[in-house]
Amino acid sequence: MTEINQTFSNNLKQYREKRNLSLDNIASLTGVSKSMLAQIEKGSANPTINTVWKIANGLKISFTELMTAPEEDFEVVREEKLSVLTEDDGHYRNYPIFPFNDQRGFEIYRIELDPGAFLQAEPHPSGTQEFITVFAGEIEVEFLDQKLIAKAGEGIRFKADTKHSYHNPSDKLTTINMVIWYETQKDI
């Protein structure tokens, strides 16, 4: 069984057991036969994309909820495994430590800015906030009519749903930790 099929099999079984549903219940909700559902849960069937969509739609959950492995109780992120995203001709380096996850509602980055580095950022969704901790150097954040400056050991929090920029005004490397928190969108 492939890893993705194993994940799907485990997620379907956990979903069904958590909600006290029988295979008959799931079959009537999804239009997928009880025997096919049993084979999927046992890992002896390789469901088509259409079958996965039928199950997701019938259970009113997302496709990815069925196909994504649950997070472990812990995770160690090794520096050599990080990908770097660059701007300003490589003078602004962003290392995604913990990318966005719907269950968390935030993402965490380590960012390095060479002396003079600058990045103009587009607005994030409404209600988004950024939390910056400076570990080395100095950072200047501009948004609206505000210019905020923080040095090593200091932090900045601001609403990031407008255009904003980051600048290292110093002659030293600046290293920051950035948490971007996304406000949960409420149904109208």
Protein backbone atom coordinates (compact mmCIF):
# COMPACT_ATOMS: atom_id res chain seq x y z
CA MET A 1 0.00 0.00 0.00
CA THR A 2 1.33 3.43 -0.88
CA GLU A 3 1.87 6.00 1.89
CA ILE A 4 -0.97 8.19 0.59
CA ASN A 5 -3.39 5.23 0.56
CA GLN A 6 -2.32 4.31 4.09
CA THR A 7 -2.94 7.89 5.23
CA PHE A 8 -6.37 7.93 3.54
CA SER A 9 -7.24 4.54 5.06
CA ASN A 10 -6.24 5.67 8.58
CA ASN A 11 -8.01 9.04 8.29
CA LEU A 12 -11.26 7.48 7.06
CA LYS A 13 -11.27 4.91 9.85
CA GLN A 14 -10.48 7.53 12.52
CA TYR A 15 -13.19 9.84 11.18
CA ARG A 16 -15.76 7.04 11.22
CA GLU A 17 -14.83 5.81 14.71
CA LYS A 18 -14.67 9.31 16.23
CA ARG A 19 -18.23 9.98 15.06
CA ASN A 20 -19.55 6.49 15.91
CA LEU A 21 -20.56 5.82 12.31
CA SER A 22 -20.87 2.37 10.79
CA LEU A 23 -19.70 1.49 7.30
CA ASP A 24 -23.40 1.40 6.35
CA ASN A 25 -23.78 5.01 7.57
CA ILE A 26 -20.76 6.15 5.58
CA ALA A 27 -21.99 4.27 2.49
CA SER A 28 -25.38 5.99 2.59
CA LEU A 29 -23.78 9.43 3.11
CA THR A 30 -21.23 9.04 0.32
CA GLY A 31 -22.72 6.73 -2.30
CA VAL A 32 -19.63 4.49 -2.02
CA SER A 33 -20.44 0.82 -1.35
CA LYS A 34 -19.91 -0.67 2.10
CA SER A 35 -17.59 -3.33 0.65
CA MET A 36 -15.42 -0.68 -1.08
CA LEU A 37 -15.23 1.35 2.18
CA ALA A 38 -14.21 -1.78 4.10
CA GLN A 39 -11.48 -2.52 1.54
CA ILE A 40 -10.25 1.08 1.75
CA GLU A 41 -10.07 0.94 5.56
CA LYS A 42 -8.19 -2.39 5.41
CA GLY A 43 -5.80 -0.95 2.86
CA SER A 44 -6.63 -3.54 0.24
CA ALA A 45 -8.22 -1.07 -2.24
CA ASN A 46 -6.62 1.72 -4.20
CA PRO A 47 -9.44 4.31 -4.39
CA THR A 48 -9.71 6.61 -7.39
CA ILE A 49 -9.68 10.36 -7.02
CA ASN A 50 -13.42 10.35 -7.78
CA THR A 51 -14.02 7.90 -4.94
CA VAL A 52 -12.06 10.07 -2.51
CA TRP A 53 -14.04 13.13 -3.64
CA LYS A 54 -17.34 11.24 -3.17
CA ILE A 55 -16.33 10.32 0.36
CA ALA A 56 -15.12 13.85 1.21
CA ASN A 57 -18.26 15.48 -0.23
CA GLY A 58 -20.59 12.97 1.45
CA LEU A 59 -18.93 13.54 4.83
CA LYS A 60 -18.78 17.32 4.21
CA ILE A 61 -15.04 17.51 4.84
CA SER A 62 -12.17 18.65 2.65
CA PHE A 63 -10.33 16.36 0.28
CA THR A 64 -7.05 17.22 2.01
CA GLU A 65 -8.48 16.35 5.43
CA LEU A 66 -8.72 12.77 4.20
CA MET A 67 -5.38 12.78 2.37
CA THR A 68 -3.11 14.59 4.85
CA ALA A 69 -1.26 12.71 7.55
CA PRO A 70 -1.98 14.04 11.04
CA GLU A 71 0.79 15.94 12.74
CA GLU A 72 3.00 14.05 15.11
CA ASP A 73 3.17 15.09 18.77
CA PHE A 74 6.54 16.74 18.04
CA GLU A 75 8.74 17.86 15.18
CA VAL A 76 12.39 18.86 14.99
CA VAL A 77 13.14 21.13 12.04
CA ARG A 78 16.76 20.73 10.97
CA GLU A 79 18.52 23.67 9.37
CA GLU A 80 19.85 21.56 6.48
CA LYS A 81 16.25 20.62 5.54
CA LEU A 82 15.05 24.23 5.27
CA SER A 83 14.45 25.83 1.90
CA VAL A 84 15.40 29.46 1.52
CA LEU A 85 13.27 32.07 -0.23
CA THR A 86 15.20 35.17 -1.30
CA GLU A 87 14.39 38.75 -2.23
CA ASP A 88 16.44 41.90 -2.82
CA ASP A 89 19.07 40.02 -4.87
CA GLY A 90 19.55 37.49 -2.06
CA HIS A 91 20.07 40.12 0.66
CA TYR A 92 16.72 39.19 2.29
CA ARG A 93 16.51 35.47 3.14
CA ASN A 94 13.37 33.81 4.47
CA TYR A 95 13.52 30.29 5.97
CA PRO A 96 10.03 28.80 6.53
CA ILE A 97 10.36 26.92 9.83
CA PHE A 98 6.68 26.04 10.33
CA PRO A 99 4.54 26.76 7.22
CA PHE A 100 0.88 27.65 7.60
CA ASN A 101 -1.48 24.96 8.82
CA ASP A 102 -5.28 25.42 9.16
CA GLN A 103 -5.30 23.88 12.64
CA ARG A 104 -2.59 26.27 13.88
CA GLY A 105 -3.62 29.48 12.15
CA PHE A 106 -0.06 30.82 12.02
CA GLU A 107 3.31 30.33 10.35
CA ILE A 108 6.85 30.90 11.63
CA TYR A 109 9.92 32.08 9.73
CA ARG A 110 13.57 32.82 10.44
CA ILE A 111 14.66 35.80 8.38
CA GLU A 112 18.10 37.20 7.68
CA LEU A 113 18.61 40.69 6.29
CA ASP A 114 22.05 41.79 5.13
CA PRO A 115 23.02 45.42 5.83
CA GLY A 116 20.72 47.68 3.80
CA ALA A 117 18.37 44.82 2.79
CA PHE A 118 14.81 45.90 1.97
CA LEU A 119 11.55 44.11 1.18
CA GLN A 120 8.20 45.67 0.27
CA ALA A 121 5.41 43.26 1.26
CA GLU A 122 1.84 43.11 0.03
CA PRO A 123 -1.07 43.16 2.52
CA HIS A 124 -2.04 39.87 4.14
CA PRO A 125 -5.72 38.91 4.61
CA SER A 126 -7.82 41.13 6.88
CA GLY A 127 -6.98 40.85 10.58
CA THR A 128 -3.55 39.28 10.03
CA GLN A 129 -0.87 40.26 12.55
CA GLU A 130 2.90 39.83 12.49
CA PHE A 131 5.04 39.27 15.57
CA ILE A 132 8.76 39.91 15.07
CA THR A 133 11.53 39.12 17.54
CA VAL A 134 14.98 40.51 16.76
CA PHE A 135 17.86 38.20 17.67
CA ALA A 136 20.70 40.15 16.06
CA GLY A 137 21.03 43.55 14.41
CA GLU A 138 18.16 45.96 13.86
CA ILE A 139 14.91 45.96 11.87
CA GLU A 140 12.80 48.82 10.62
CA VAL A 141 9.17 48.04 9.77
CA GLU A 142 7.00 50.58 7.97
CA PHE A 143 3.25 50.35 7.52
CA LEU A 144 0.61 53.04 7.05
CA ASP A 145 2.27 56.14 8.56
CA GLN A 146 4.25 54.18 11.15
CA LYS A 147 7.98 53.51 11.24
CA LEU A 148 8.85 50.97 13.95
CA ILE A 149 12.43 50.11 14.87
CA ALA A 150 13.58 47.23 17.08
CA LYS A 151 17.06 46.02 18.04
CA ALA A 152 18.37 42.68 19.32
CA GLY A 153 16.28 41.47 22.25
CA GLU A 154 13.26 43.57 21.23
CA GLY A 155 10.09 42.81 19.30
CA ILE A 156 7.45 44.37 17.08
CA ARG A 157 3.78 43.45 16.62
CA PHE A 158 1.65 45.08 13.93
CA LYS A 159 -1.45 44.55 11.81
CA ALA A 160 -0.10 43.29 8.51
CA ASP A 161 -3.24 43.62 6.41
CA THR A 162 -1.85 46.73 4.67
CA LYS A 163 1.28 47.21 2.58
CA HIS A 164 4.35 47.07 4.79
CA SER A 165 8.12 46.89 4.44
CA TYR A 166 11.18 45.55 6.23
CA HIS A 167 14.58 47.22 6.18
CA ASN A 168 17.90 46.60 7.87
CA PRO A 169 19.21 50.14 8.45
CA SER A 170 22.36 48.90 10.22
CA ASP A 171 25.76 47.81 8.97
CA LYS A 172 25.37 44.34 10.57
CA LEU A 173 23.44 41.20 9.66
CA THR A 174 19.93 41.26 11.15
CA THR A 175 18.31 37.98 12.19
CA ILE A 176 14.66 37.90 13.18
CA ASN A 177 11.97 35.39 14.00
CA MET A 178 8.61 36.18 12.41
CA VAL A 179 5.24 34.72 13.38
CA ILE A 180 2.37 35.54 11.03
CA TRP A 181 -1.00 34.95 12.67
CA TYR A 182 -4.12 34.78 10.49
CA GLU A 183 -7.45 35.79 12.00
CA THR A 184 -10.04 33.04 11.67
CA GLN A 185 -12.58 34.08 9.10
CA LYS A 186 -16.07 33.91 10.58
CA ASP A 187 -19.05 32.75 8.56
CA ILE A 188 -21.53 35.53 7.78
